Amino acid sequence: MSFALAQLASRCRQCNGTAALLRHAPQRQFHYSPAVLARKERKIPAPTKKQLAIKERKRAKKLKKNIYENEKMTLADAISVLRAVEVASPESTYELVVKTEMGKGTTIPKGRYNLPRETKEQSKDRILVFAEGRQAEEAKKAGADIVGGPELVEGIINGRHQATLFLCSRSLIRGITPRLGRVLGPRGLMPSERRGTVTDDIAGFIRRLKGTSEWKGDKEGTIRQPIAKMHFPVTDVVKNVRYFMNVVKRATGNIRDPKAETNKKETSQKPTQAITRVLLSSRQGPSIQIADA
C-alpha cells in the first residue's frame, strides 16, 4: 500500500515540475497592427492640360451625334415646307428658335427689336421714371406715364404704382437702390447702368423705345420668337428673319454694333456667345434647321 502511494506521489511531483517549467518558460510576444495603417497610400498624379484635352476629344467621339445634324435647309425651302404643312391654317405663326452657348459668367441674351412687318399689335410699355427738375419735365413730354423722385418708392413697394419699365437718373439711383433692389431686382426691372436704364438722357431713351418690343432668352441661352404669319408673302418672312438674326447677333457679340464702335472699352469687354443652331417651326409643322441663317 505504501509502495502504490509512493508512486502516485512521484508522478504528481513530475507533473508539478513540468507545470512549473511551463509557467516560467519565456513566451513569444505577438504584436497586432492594422493592415490599413501599414499600407502606403499611392498618390495619383494630376493630369496635365494635354492629357485632359486628349481625354475630352475621346469622350466627344464616343458621344452619339444628333441624327438630324446634317439635315439642314435654306430659309426659303424651310418656309415652303411649313407653308405646305399649314395650308389649312393661314393664321398660324412661324416661330424662330435661336440656340446660343451659355458659358460661365455669360449673361442671358436680351434686347429690343422692331420687325419690318409685325405679327401682332405691340403692347405699350408703362414707363415709370425717377427724375427731378428739367429731366422730369423732359420725361413727361417724351411720354413717361409716372414721373417723380424718391417719394414714389413707397408706392412701388405697396403696389400702387405699376409699370413694365423703370428708368432712373444717375443722381437718384443711390437713394432708391437700398429699398427697391429687393422688390424690382428679382423681377428684372431694377434700373441699372449695364442695361442702360440708368441714364441722364431719359427723354432720348423713351423715344428710342417707342415702337419696339423686348426679346429675351432663357437660362439655357435659347431664344424663341414668333417671327411671321403664314399668310405673309415669303419676302416679308425672309426680311423678318434676317432682321431679327442681325439683332440677336449684335446682342450676342457675333456682329459688332456700329453705334458702339466709338466706345472701345464696352466692345472689348463684351464676351461673344456662339450661335449653335437656328430652327424655324410652326404650330403643326416640324422644326427645320436653317443652313443660311
C-alpha atoms as a PDB file:
ATOM      1  CA  MET A   1       0.000   0.000   0.000  1.00  0.00           C
ATOM      2  CA  SER A   2       2.807   2.320   0.877  1.00  0.00           C
ATOM      3  CA  PHE A   3       4.555   1.490  -2.483  1.00  0.00           C
ATOM      4  CA  ALA A   4       1.485   2.479  -4.514  1.00  0.00           C
ATOM      5  CA  LEU A   5       1.155   5.730  -2.622  1.00  0.00           C
ATOM      6  CA  ALA A   6       4.835   6.489  -3.168  1.00  0.00           C
ATOM      7  CA  GLN A   7       4.417   6.005  -6.965  1.00  0.00           C
ATOM      8  CA  LEU A   8       1.449   8.324  -7.080  1.00  0.00           C
ATOM      9  CA  ALA A   9       3.367  10.941  -5.126  1.00  0.00           C
ATOM     10  CA  SER A  10       6.318  10.741  -7.506  1.00  0.00           C
ATOM     11  CA  ARG A  11       4.059  11.125 -10.503  1.00  0.00           C
ATOM     12  CA  CYS A  12       2.433  14.175  -9.005  1.00  0.00           C
ATOM     13  CA  ARG A  13       5.840  15.722  -8.356  1.00  0.00           C
ATOM     14  CA  GLN A  14       6.816  15.214 -12.017  1.00  0.00           C
ATOM     15  CA  CYS A  15       3.589  16.752 -13.171  1.00  0.00           C
ATOM     16  CA  ASN A  16       4.073  19.652 -10.832  1.00  0.00           C
ATOM     17  CA  GLY A  17       7.624  20.174 -12.013  1.00  0.00           C
ATOM     18  CA  THR A  18       6.611  20.181 -15.658  1.00  0.00           C
ATOM     19  CA  ALA A  19       3.833  22.661 -14.977  1.00  0.00           C
ATOM     20  CA  ALA A  20       6.267  24.875 -13.111  1.00  0.00           C
ATOM     21  CA  LEU A  21       8.727  24.788 -16.020  1.00  0.00           C
ATOM     22  CA  LEU A  22       5.968  25.714 -18.461  1.00  0.00           C
ATOM     23  CA  ARG A  23       4.878  28.596 -16.254  1.00  0.00           C
ATOM     24  CA  HIS A  24       8.360  30.120 -16.051  1.00  0.00           C
ATOM     25  CA  ALA A  25       9.382  29.417 -19.674  1.00  0.00           C
ATOM     26  CA  PRO A  26       9.805  32.592 -21.822  1.00  0.00           C
ATOM     27  CA  GLN A  27       6.837  33.209 -24.190  1.00  0.00           C
ATOM     28  CA  ARG A  28       6.963  34.926 -27.584  1.00  0.00           C
ATOM     29  CA  GLN A  29       5.079  38.196 -27.693  1.00  0.00           C
ATOM     30  CA  PHE A  30       2.904  38.824 -30.772  1.00  0.00           C
ATOM     31  CA  HIS A  31       2.009  42.413 -31.766  1.00  0.00           C
ATOM     32  CA  TYR A  32      -1.034  43.246 -33.913  1.00  0.00           C
ATOM     33  CA  SER A  33      -1.037  46.244 -36.169  1.00  0.00           C
ATOM     34  CA  PRO A  34      -3.945  47.106 -38.543  1.00  0.00           C
ATOM     35  CA  ALA A  35      -3.260  46.385 -42.211  1.00  0.00           C
ATOM     36  CA  VAL A  36      -4.692  49.754 -43.220  1.00  0.00           C
ATOM     37  CA  LEU A  37      -2.040  51.626 -41.234  1.00  0.00           C
ATOM     38  CA  ALA A  38       0.747  49.571 -42.688  1.00  0.00           C
ATOM     39  CA  ARG A  39      -0.436  50.117 -46.271  1.00  0.00           C
ATOM     40  CA  LYS A  40       1.165  53.072 -48.069  1.00  0.00           C
ATOM     41  CA  GLU A  41      -1.138  55.479 -49.883  1.00  0.00           C
ATOM     42  CA  ARG A  42      -0.309  55.906 -53.528  1.00  0.00           C
ATOM     43  CA  LYS A  43      -0.603  59.460 -54.785  1.00  0.00           C
ATOM     44  CA  ILE A  44      -2.268  59.759 -58.190  1.00  0.00           C
ATOM     45  CA  PRO A  45      -0.572  62.466 -60.258  1.00  0.00           C
ATOM     46  CA  ALA A  46      -2.852  65.242 -61.535  1.00  0.00           C
ATOM     47  CA  PRO A  47      -3.452  65.042 -65.311  1.00  0.00           C
ATOM     48  CA  THR A  48      -1.867  67.711 -67.461  1.00  0.00           C
ATOM     49  CA  LYS A  49      -3.770  70.018 -69.780  1.00  0.00           C
ATOM     50  CA  LYS A  50      -2.672  67.971 -72.777  1.00  0.00           C
ATOM     51  CA  GLN A  51      -3.950  64.740 -71.213  1.00  0.00           C
ATOM     52  CA  LEU A  52      -7.257  66.395 -70.332  1.00  0.00           C
ATOM     53  CA  ALA A  53      -7.640  67.650 -73.911  1.00  0.00           C
ATOM     54  CA  ILE A  54      -6.990  64.159 -75.310  1.00  0.00           C
ATOM     55  CA  LYS A  55      -9.497  62.666 -72.871  1.00  0.00           C
ATOM     56  CA  GLU A  56     -12.115  65.254 -73.850  1.00  0.00           C
ATOM     57  CA  ARG A  57     -11.629  64.522 -77.568  1.00  0.00           C
ATOM     58  CA  LYS A  58     -12.062  60.802 -76.968  1.00  0.00           C
ATOM     59  CA  ARG A  59     -15.213  61.415 -74.940  1.00  0.00           C
ATOM     60  CA  ALA A  60     -16.644  63.654 -77.655  1.00  0.00           C
ATOM     61  CA  LYS A  61     -16.055  60.954 -80.299  1.00  0.00           C
ATOM     62  CA  LYS A  62     -17.941  58.374 -78.225  1.00  0.00           C
ATOM     63  CA  LEU A  63     -20.992  60.622 -77.765  1.00  0.00           C
ATOM     64  CA  LYS A  64     -23.906  59.892 -80.048  1.00  0.00           C
ATOM     65  CA  LYS A  65     -24.249  62.508 -82.731  1.00  0.00           C
ATOM     66  CA  ASN A  66     -27.632  64.015 -83.493  1.00  0.00           C
ATOM     67  CA  ILE A  67     -29.134  62.173 -86.443  1.00  0.00           C
ATOM     68  CA  TYR A  68     -30.599  65.455 -87.700  1.00  0.00           C
ATOM     69  CA  GLU A  69     -27.261  67.304 -87.555  1.00  0.00           C
ATOM     70  CA  ASN A  70     -26.767  67.179 -91.317  1.00  0.00           C
ATOM     71  CA  GLU A  71     -30.437  67.729 -92.189  1.00  0.00           C
ATOM     72  CA  LYS A  72     -30.465  71.436 -92.960  1.00  0.00           C
ATOM     73  CA  MET A  73     -32.449  73.567 -95.376  1.00  0.00           C
ATOM     74  CA  THR A  74     -32.149  77.020 -96.763  1.00  0.00           C
ATOM     75  CA  LEU A  75     -34.536  79.586 -95.320  1.00  0.00           C
ATOM     76  CA  ALA A  76     -36.635  79.728 -98.496  1.00  0.00           C
ATOM     77  CA  ASP A  77     -37.048  75.927 -98.618  1.00  0.00           C
ATOM     78  CA  ALA A  78     -37.971  75.762 -94.918  1.00  0.00           C
ATOM     79  CA  ILE A  79     -40.663  78.418 -95.425  1.00  0.00           C
ATOM     80  CA  SER A  80     -42.080  76.462 -98.377  1.00  0.00           C
ATOM     81  CA  VAL A  81     -42.263  73.230 -96.342  1.00  0.00           C
ATOM     82  CA  LEU A  82     -44.006  74.881 -93.391  1.00  0.00           C
ATOM     83  CA  ARG A  83     -46.470  76.699 -95.674  1.00  0.00           C
ATOM     84  CA  ALA A  84     -47.390  73.342 -97.247  1.00  0.00           C
ATOM     85  CA  VAL A  85     -47.946  71.761 -93.820  1.00  0.00           C
ATOM     86  CA  GLU A  86     -50.027  74.701 -92.546  1.00  0.00           C
ATOM     87  CA  VAL A  87     -52.021  75.171 -95.759  1.00  0.00           C
ATOM     88  CA  ALA A  88     -55.308  74.927 -93.828  1.00  0.00           C
ATOM     89  CA  SER A  89     -54.173  77.380 -91.111  1.00  0.00           C
ATOM     90  CA  PRO A  90     -53.299  80.747 -92.708  1.00  0.00           C
ATOM     91  CA  GLU A  91     -53.281  82.446 -89.295  1.00  0.00           C
ATOM     92  CA  SER A  92     -50.666  80.060 -87.904  1.00  0.00           C
ATOM     93  CA  THR A  93     -47.351  81.581 -86.825  1.00  0.00           C
ATOM     94  CA  TYR A  94     -43.745  80.898 -87.772  1.00  0.00           C
ATOM     95  CA  GLU A  95     -41.538  80.527 -84.688  1.00  0.00           C
ATOM     96  CA  LEU A  96     -37.811  81.168 -84.842  1.00  0.00           C
ATOM     97  CA  VAL A  97     -35.626  79.377 -82.275  1.00  0.00           C
ATOM     98  CA  VAL A  98     -32.018  80.513 -81.806  1.00  0.00           C
ATOM     99  CA  LYS A  99     -29.774  78.430 -79.554  1.00  0.00           C
ATOM    100  CA  THR A 100     -26.654  80.060 -78.088  1.00  0.00           C
ATOM    101  CA  GLU A 101     -23.831  78.784 -75.898  1.00  0.00           C
ATOM    102  CA  MET A 102     -24.044  79.777 -72.244  1.00  0.00           C
ATOM    103  CA  GLY A 103     -20.566  79.707 -70.699  1.00  0.00           C
ATOM    104  CA  LYS A 104     -19.519  80.637 -67.197  1.00  0.00           C
ATOM    105  CA  GLY A 105     -20.064  84.303 -66.444  1.00  0.00           C
ATOM    106  CA  THR A 106     -22.164  84.995 -69.547  1.00  0.00           C
ATOM    107  CA  THR A 107     -25.446  86.874 -69.150  1.00  0.00           C
ATOM    108  CA  ILE A 108     -28.790  85.843 -70.589  1.00  0.00           C
ATOM    109  CA  PRO A 109     -29.096  87.390 -74.078  1.00  0.00           C
ATOM    110  CA  LYS A 110     -31.801  90.022 -74.459  1.00  0.00           C
ATOM    111  CA  GLY A 111     -32.575  93.192 -76.371  1.00  0.00           C
ATOM    112  CA  ARG A 112     -35.230  95.141 -78.233  1.00  0.00           C
ATOM    113  CA  TYR A 113     -36.460  94.832 -81.802  1.00  0.00           C
ATOM    114  CA  ASN A 114     -38.932  96.272 -84.297  1.00  0.00           C
ATOM    115  CA  LEU A 115     -39.759  93.821 -87.097  1.00  0.00           C
ATOM    116  CA  PRO A 116     -40.255  95.185 -90.618  1.00  0.00           C
ATOM    117  CA  ARG A 117     -43.733  93.614 -90.531  1.00  0.00           C
ATOM    118  CA  GLU A 118     -45.182  92.904 -87.113  1.00  0.00           C
ATOM    119  CA  THR A 119     -47.020  89.640 -86.403  1.00  0.00           C
ATOM    120  CA  LYS A 120     -49.377  91.254 -83.890  1.00  0.00           C
ATOM    121  CA  GLU A 121     -50.163  94.606 -82.370  1.00  0.00           C
ATOM    122  CA  GLN A 122     -47.458  95.664 -79.950  1.00  0.00           C
ATOM    123  CA  SER A 123     -48.267  96.081 -76.279  1.00  0.00           C
ATOM    124  CA  LYS A 124     -47.426  99.513 -74.919  1.00  0.00           C
ATOM    125  CA  ASP A 125     -44.914  99.745 -72.078  1.00  0.00           C
ATOM    126  CA  ARG A 126     -45.956 101.564 -68.913  1.00  0.00           C
ATOM    127  CA  ILE A 127     -42.901 103.663 -68.020  1.00  0.00           C
ATOM    128  CA  LEU A 128     -42.030 104.952 -64.550  1.00  0.00           C
ATOM    129  CA  VAL A 129     -39.191 107.473 -64.297  1.00  0.00           C
ATOM    130  CA  PHE A 130     -37.200 108.613 -61.267  1.00  0.00           C
ATOM    131  CA  ALA A 131     -36.134 112.144 -62.147  1.00  0.00           C
ATOM    132  CA  GLU A 132     -36.325 115.682 -60.863  1.00  0.00           C
ATOM    133  CA  GLY A 133     -36.280 119.162 -62.332  1.00  0.00           C
ATOM    134  CA  ARG A 134     -35.607 119.542 -66.021  1.00  0.00           C
ATOM    135  CA  GLN A 135     -35.154 115.794 -66.582  1.00  0.00           C
ATOM    136  CA  ALA A 136     -38.609 115.120 -65.111  1.00  0.00           C
ATOM    137  CA  GLU A 137     -40.221 117.655 -67.455  1.00  0.00           C
ATOM    138  CA  GLU A 138     -38.458 116.154 -70.491  1.00  0.00           C
ATOM    139  CA  ALA A 139     -39.548 112.645 -69.461  1.00  0.00           C
ATOM    140  CA  LYS A 140     -43.216 113.735 -69.251  1.00  0.00           C
ATOM    141  CA  LYS A 141     -43.029 115.327 -72.693  1.00  0.00           C
ATOM    142  CA  ALA A 142     -41.418 112.155 -74.121  1.00  0.00           C
ATOM    143  CA  GLY A 143     -44.363 110.053 -72.925  1.00  0.00           C
ATOM    144  CA  ALA A 144     -43.489 108.669 -69.477  1.00  0.00           C
ATOM    145  CA  ASP A 145     -46.554 107.504 -67.539  1.00  0.00           C
ATOM    146  CA  ILE A 146     -45.295 108.155 -63.984  1.00  0.00           C
ATOM    147  CA  VAL A 147     -42.568 110.671 -63.129  1.00  0.00           C
ATOM    148  CA  GLY A 148     -41.280 111.568 -59.669  1.00  0.00           C
ATOM    149  CA  GLY A 149     -38.494 111.344 -57.123  1.00  0.00           C
ATOM    150  CA  PRO A 150     -37.798 109.098 -54.119  1.00  0.00           C
ATOM    151  CA  GLU A 151     -41.387 109.629 -52.911  1.00  0.00           C
ATOM    152  CA  LEU A 152     -42.501 107.028 -55.489  1.00  0.00           C
ATOM    153  CA  VAL A 153     -40.592 104.238 -53.710  1.00  0.00           C
ATOM    154  CA  GLU A 154     -43.294 103.592 -51.111  1.00  0.00           C
ATOM    155  CA  GLY A 155     -45.995 103.376 -53.781  1.00  0.00           C
ATOM    156  CA  ILE A 156     -43.968 100.833 -55.791  1.00  0.00           C
ATOM    157  CA  ILE A 157     -43.431  98.644 -52.707  1.00  0.00           C
ATOM    158  CA  ASN A 158     -47.141  98.773 -51.844  1.00  0.00           C
ATOM    159  CA  GLY A 159     -48.140  98.012 -55.442  1.00  0.00           C
ATOM    160  CA  ARG A 160     -49.881 101.349 -56.005  1.00  0.00           C
ATOM    161  CA  HIS A 161     -47.548 102.288 -58.879  1.00  0.00           C
ATOM    162  CA  GLN A 162     -47.402  99.549 -61.525  1.00  0.00           C
ATOM    163  CA  ALA A 163     -45.044  99.725 -64.520  1.00  0.00           C
ATOM    164  CA  THR A 164     -43.336  97.461 -67.043  1.00  0.00           C
ATOM    165  CA  LEU A 165     -40.231  99.646 -67.392  1.00  0.00           C
ATOM    166  CA  PHE A 166     -38.348 101.648 -64.744  1.00  0.00           C
ATOM    167  CA  LEU A 167     -35.864 104.412 -65.614  1.00  0.00           C
ATOM    168  CA  CYS A 168     -33.754 106.499 -63.279  1.00  0.00           C
ATOM    169  CA  SER A 169     -31.363 109.440 -63.469  1.00  0.00           C
ATOM    170  CA  ARG A 170     -27.802 108.973 -62.233  1.00  0.00           C
ATOM    171  CA  SER A 171     -28.291 111.399 -59.345  1.00  0.00           C
ATOM    172  CA  LEU A 172     -31.180 109.419 -57.784  1.00  0.00           C
ATOM    173  CA  ILE A 173     -30.100 105.797 -58.269  1.00  0.00           C
ATOM    174  CA  ARG A 174     -28.174 105.555 -54.978  1.00  0.00           C
ATOM    175  CA  GLY A 175     -31.134 106.807 -52.979  1.00  0.00           C
ATOM    176  CA  ILE A 176     -33.658 104.268 -54.329  1.00  0.00           C
ATOM    177  CA  THR A 177     -31.456 101.150 -54.622  1.00  0.00           C
ATOM    178  CA  PRO A 178     -31.447 100.032 -50.925  1.00  0.00           C
ATOM    179  CA  ARG A 179     -35.245  99.735 -50.759  1.00  0.00           C
ATOM    180  CA  LEU A 180     -36.212  98.909 -54.348  1.00  0.00           C
ATOM    181  CA  GLY A 181     -33.429  96.404 -55.041  1.00  0.00           C
ATOM    182  CA  ARG A 182     -35.267  93.636 -53.171  1.00  0.00           C
ATOM    183  CA  VAL A 183     -38.569  94.383 -54.907  1.00  0.00           C
ATOM    184  CA  LEU A 184     -37.575  95.062 -58.527  1.00  0.00           C
ATOM    185  CA  GLY A 185     -34.341  93.025 -58.668  1.00  0.00           C
ATOM    186  CA  PRO A 186     -35.923  89.523 -58.745  1.00  0.00           C
ATOM    187  CA  ARG A 187     -38.365  90.721 -61.428  1.00  0.00           C
ATOM    188  CA  GLY A 188     -35.550  92.041 -63.644  1.00  0.00           C
ATOM    189  CA  LEU A 189     -36.950  95.596 -63.544  1.00  0.00           C
ATOM    190  CA  MET A 190     -34.385  97.336 -61.348  1.00  0.00           C
ATOM    191  CA  PRO A 191     -32.721 100.239 -63.198  1.00  0.00           C
ATOM    192  CA  SER A 192     -29.060  99.545 -63.921  1.00  0.00           C
ATOM    193  CA  GLU A 193     -26.301 101.148 -65.935  1.00  0.00           C
ATOM    194  CA  ARG A 194     -25.471  97.850 -67.626  1.00  0.00           C
ATOM    195  CA  ARG A 195     -28.950  97.651 -69.146  1.00  0.00           C
ATOM    196  CA  GLY A 196     -28.952 101.358 -69.975  1.00  0.00           C
ATOM    197  CA  THR A 197     -31.941 102.172 -67.757  1.00  0.00           C
ATOM    198  CA  VAL A 198     -29.839 104.473 -65.556  1.00  0.00           C
ATOM    199  CA  THR A 199     -29.144 107.467 -67.767  1.00  0.00           C
ATOM    200  CA  ASP A 200     -29.307 111.247 -67.851  1.00  0.00           C
ATOM    201  CA  ASP A 201     -30.777 111.184 -71.390  1.00  0.00           C
ATOM    202  CA  ILE A 202     -34.134 109.791 -70.243  1.00  0.00           C
ATOM    203  CA  ALA A 203     -36.167 111.542 -72.938  1.00  0.00           C
ATOM    204  CA  GLY A 204     -33.954 110.133 -75.695  1.00  0.00           C
ATOM    205  CA  PHE A 205     -34.190 106.645 -74.204  1.00  0.00           C
ATOM    206  CA  ILE A 206     -38.002 106.800 -74.178  1.00  0.00           C
ATOM    207  CA  ARG A 207     -38.109 107.985 -77.808  1.00  0.00           C
ATOM    208  CA  ARG A 208     -35.907 105.049 -78.861  1.00  0.00           C
ATOM    209  CA  LEU A 209     -38.234 102.619 -77.051  1.00  0.00           C
ATOM    210  CA  LYS A 210     -41.328 103.718 -78.952  1.00  0.00           C
ATOM    211  CA  GLY A 211     -42.445 101.089 -81.453  1.00  0.00           C
ATOM    212  CA  THR A 212     -40.076  98.390 -80.125  1.00  0.00           C
ATOM    213  CA  SER A 213     -40.588  95.156 -78.181  1.00  0.00           C
ATOM    214  CA  GLU A 214     -38.272  93.239 -75.876  1.00  0.00           C
ATOM    215  CA  TRP A 215     -36.912  89.766 -76.582  1.00  0.00           C
ATOM    216  CA  LYS A 216     -35.109  87.615 -74.020  1.00  0.00           C
ATOM    217  CA  GLY A 217     -33.507  84.174 -73.898  1.00  0.00           C
ATOM    218  CA  ASP A 218     -33.942  81.576 -71.176  1.00  0.00           C
ATOM    219  CA  LYS A 219     -31.361  80.198 -68.735  1.00  0.00           C
ATOM    220  CA  GLU A 220     -30.147  77.718 -71.350  1.00  0.00           C
ATOM    221  CA  GLY A 221     -29.492  80.516 -73.834  1.00  0.00           C
ATOM    222  CA  THR A 222     -32.429  79.585 -76.118  1.00  0.00           C
ATOM    223  CA  ILE A 223     -34.334  82.446 -77.765  1.00  0.00           C
ATOM    224  CA  ARG A 224     -37.885  81.794 -79.009  1.00  0.00           C
ATOM    225  CA  GLN A 225     -39.622  84.434 -81.083  1.00  0.00           C
ATOM    226  CA  PRO A 226     -42.825  84.499 -83.215  1.00  0.00           C
ATOM    227  CA  ILE A 227     -41.468  85.855 -86.460  1.00  0.00           C
ATOM    228  CA  ALA A 228     -44.301  85.980 -89.048  1.00  0.00           C
ATOM    229  CA  LYS A 229     -47.760  84.750 -90.044  1.00  0.00           C
ATOM    230  CA  MET A 230     -48.394  82.017 -92.618  1.00  0.00           C
ATOM    231  CA  HIS A 231     -50.308  84.368 -94.922  1.00  0.00           C
ATOM    232  CA  PHE A 232     -47.325  86.759 -95.138  1.00  0.00           C
ATOM    233  CA  PRO A 233     -45.510  86.772 -98.503  1.00  0.00           C
ATOM    234  CA  VAL A 234     -42.251  84.813 -98.499  1.00  0.00           C
ATOM    235  CA  THR A 235     -40.239  88.025 -98.941  1.00  0.00           C
ATOM    236  CA  ASP A 236     -41.752  89.511 -95.746  1.00  0.00           C
ATOM    237  CA  VAL A 237     -40.952  86.361 -93.763  1.00  0.00           C
ATOM    238  CA  VAL A 238     -37.360  86.409 -95.015  1.00  0.00           C
ATOM    239  CA  LYS A 239     -36.980  90.104 -94.099  1.00  0.00           C
ATOM    240  CA  ASN A 240     -38.263  89.485 -90.565  1.00  0.00           C
ATOM    241  CA  VAL A 241     -35.926  86.521 -90.035  1.00  0.00           C
ATOM    242  CA  ARG A 242     -32.870  88.368 -91.394  1.00  0.00           C
ATOM    243  CA  TYR A 243     -33.630  91.456 -89.311  1.00  0.00           C
ATOM    244  CA  PHE A 244     -34.144  89.504 -86.073  1.00  0.00           C
ATOM    245  CA  MET A 245     -30.991  87.412 -86.621  1.00  0.00           C
ATOM    246  CA  ASN A 246     -28.940  90.602 -87.037  1.00  0.00           C
ATOM    247  CA  VAL A 247     -30.383  91.943 -83.768  1.00  0.00           C
ATOM    248  CA  VAL A 248     -29.508  88.695 -81.945  1.00  0.00           C
ATOM    249  CA  LYS A 249     -26.007  88.579 -83.434  1.00  0.00           C
ATOM    250  CA  ARG A 250     -25.311  92.121 -82.244  1.00  0.00           C
ATOM    251  CA  ALA A 251     -26.605  91.343 -78.755  1.00  0.00           C
ATOM    252  CA  THR A 252     -24.520  88.151 -78.503  1.00  0.00           C
ATOM    253  CA  GLY A 253     -21.352  89.770 -79.875  1.00  0.00           C
ATOM    254  CA  ASN A 254     -21.280  87.872 -83.198  1.00  0.00           C
ATOM    255  CA  ILE A 255     -21.623  91.177 -85.075  1.00  0.00           C
ATOM    256  CA  ARG A 256     -20.140  94.432 -83.841  1.00  0.00           C
ATOM    257  CA  ASP A 257     -22.651  97.170 -83.255  1.00  0.00           C
ATOM    258  CA  PRO A 258     -21.604 100.162 -85.393  1.00  0.00           C
ATOM    259  CA  LYS A 259     -23.066 102.541 -82.799  1.00  0.00           C
ATOM    260  CA  ALA A 260     -20.785 101.081 -80.124  1.00  0.00           C
ATOM    261  CA  GLU A 261     -17.603 101.352 -82.186  1.00  0.00           C
ATOM    262  CA  THR A 262     -16.740 104.659 -80.537  1.00  0.00           C
ATOM    263  CA  ASN A 263     -16.662 103.083 -77.065  1.00  0.00           C
ATOM    264  CA  LYS A 264     -13.822 100.548 -77.357  1.00  0.00           C
ATOM    265  CA  LYS A 265     -13.955  99.560 -73.695  1.00  0.00           C
ATOM    266  CA  GLU A 266     -17.515  98.229 -73.930  1.00  0.00           C
ATOM    267  CA  THR A 267     -16.866  96.303 -77.143  1.00  0.00           C
ATOM    268  CA  SER A 268     -13.690  94.682 -75.809  1.00  0.00           C
ATOM    269  CA  GLN A 269     -15.238  93.599 -72.517  1.00  0.00           C
ATOM    270  CA  LYS A 270     -18.347  92.072 -74.091  1.00  0.00           C
ATOM    271  CA  PRO A 271     -17.936  88.270 -74.488  1.00  0.00           C
ATOM    272  CA  THR A 272     -19.136  86.506 -77.622  1.00  0.00           C
ATOM    273  CA  GLN A 273     -21.879  83.892 -77.293  1.00  0.00           C
ATOM    274  CA  ALA A 274     -21.681  81.483 -80.211  1.00  0.00           C
ATOM    275  CA  ILE A 275     -24.926  80.695 -82.047  1.00  0.00           C
ATOM    276  CA  THR A 276     -25.050  76.905 -82.324  1.00  0.00           C
ATOM    277  CA  ARG A 277     -28.355  76.329 -84.109  1.00  0.00           C
ATOM    278  CA  VAL A 278     -31.199  78.224 -85.779  1.00  0.00           C
ATOM    279  CA  LEU A 279     -34.575  76.490 -86.219  1.00  0.00           C
ATOM    280  CA  LEU A 280     -37.789  77.522 -87.928  1.00  0.00           C
ATOM    281  CA  SER A 281     -41.036  75.815 -86.964  1.00  0.00           C
ATOM    282  CA  SER A 282     -44.805  76.246 -86.851  1.00  0.00           C
ATOM    283  CA  ARG A 283     -47.708  75.024 -84.734  1.00  0.00           C
ATOM    284  CA  GLN A 284     -48.224  71.737 -86.633  1.00  0.00           C
ATOM    285  CA  GLY A 285     -45.045  71.637 -88.697  1.00  0.00           C
ATOM    286  CA  PRO A 286     -41.587  70.232 -87.899  1.00  0.00           C
ATOM    287  CA  SER A 287     -38.595  72.170 -86.592  1.00  0.00           C
ATOM    288  CA  ILE A 288     -36.292  72.739 -89.546  1.00  0.00           C
ATOM    289  CA  GLN A 289     -32.656  73.677 -89.059  1.00  0.00           C
ATOM    290  CA  ILE A 290     -31.691  76.683 -91.166  1.00  0.00           C
ATOM    291  CA  ALA A 291     -28.415  76.463 -93.081  1.00  0.00           C
ATOM    292  CA  ASP A 292     -28.108  80.077 -94.230  1.00  0.00           C
ATOM    293  CA  ALA A 293     -29.184  81.936 -91.092  1.00  0.00           C
END
